[in-house]
Amino acid sequence: MKNFLGPIVCAAALVALGPVSTFAAQAPTTAKPANKNIDARIDQRLKADPTLKKYNIHVSVDNGVATLTGTVPTEADRAKAADIAKVDGVTRVDNQIVVDLNAGTTGTAGTLKKDTKEGAEKVGEKTKEGTKAAYGATKSGAEKAGEKTKEGGEKAVDATKKAASKTGEVVTDTWITTTIKAGMVNEDTLKGSDVHVDAKDHVVTLSGTVTSEAGRARAVEIAKTTKGVDRVIDKITIGPKK
């Protein structure tokens, strides 16, 4: 009887265990997201952030570890990038981002910054060259102007010397005396007057008589306005017409 019951019990046990084993083998498992998809999700989130999208931040996911590299200007930005990288499928964030106040930007902003810097350098070079050229032209012009001014000054000095020489030869005391007397000949106010003219060292002394105060004033005026006269001494008296 025992021999008969043994196989029956074993068969029953196998039948009972069979469905359990099959169910366990066929139970569905939750698949982890692919690394590439996680990379794209984190990168998209970083680019959507208004602050972090301006900086160079690279994402690499391997076996659930998200590695961040690049540069940002502040520690707060670095921490923010790490928080953004904590998405489903990431078990740990390896934050290797470097904090640099001069962190470069990407995209249009970076290109604009680079172009602006290069443009400023080119403008600076052209300005420097233009300044040198202008300085050279100014210096050259100043030298030429200085030479012409010097030449003109020398010519003016020579002309003045020549004129002075001629003046010294012509304007003598005798010439002064003759010129004053000639100027008085046709003066109506001096008709009938007897005026004496004496010139010494370009100082003229008038003496004699005139018929009126007007004649006296006119005689003095003629003497004073004569070329070469330095001073006039008036000794004229008013007397009757001769």
Foldseek 3Di string as FASTA:
>chain_A
DVVVVVVVVVVVVCVVCVVVVVCVVPPDDDDADDQVVLQVQLVVLQCPDPQRVFADWHWGDDQQEIEIEGEDADPVSLVVSLVSSPDGSHPYYHRHYYHHNCTATDDPVNVVVVVVVVVVVVVVVVVVVVVVVVVVVVVVVVVVVVVVVVVVVVVVVVVVVVVVVVCVVQDDQVNLQVQLVVVLPPDPQAALWDWHWGGDQLEIEIEGEGADPVSQVVSLVSSVPGPSHDYYHYHYYYDHGD
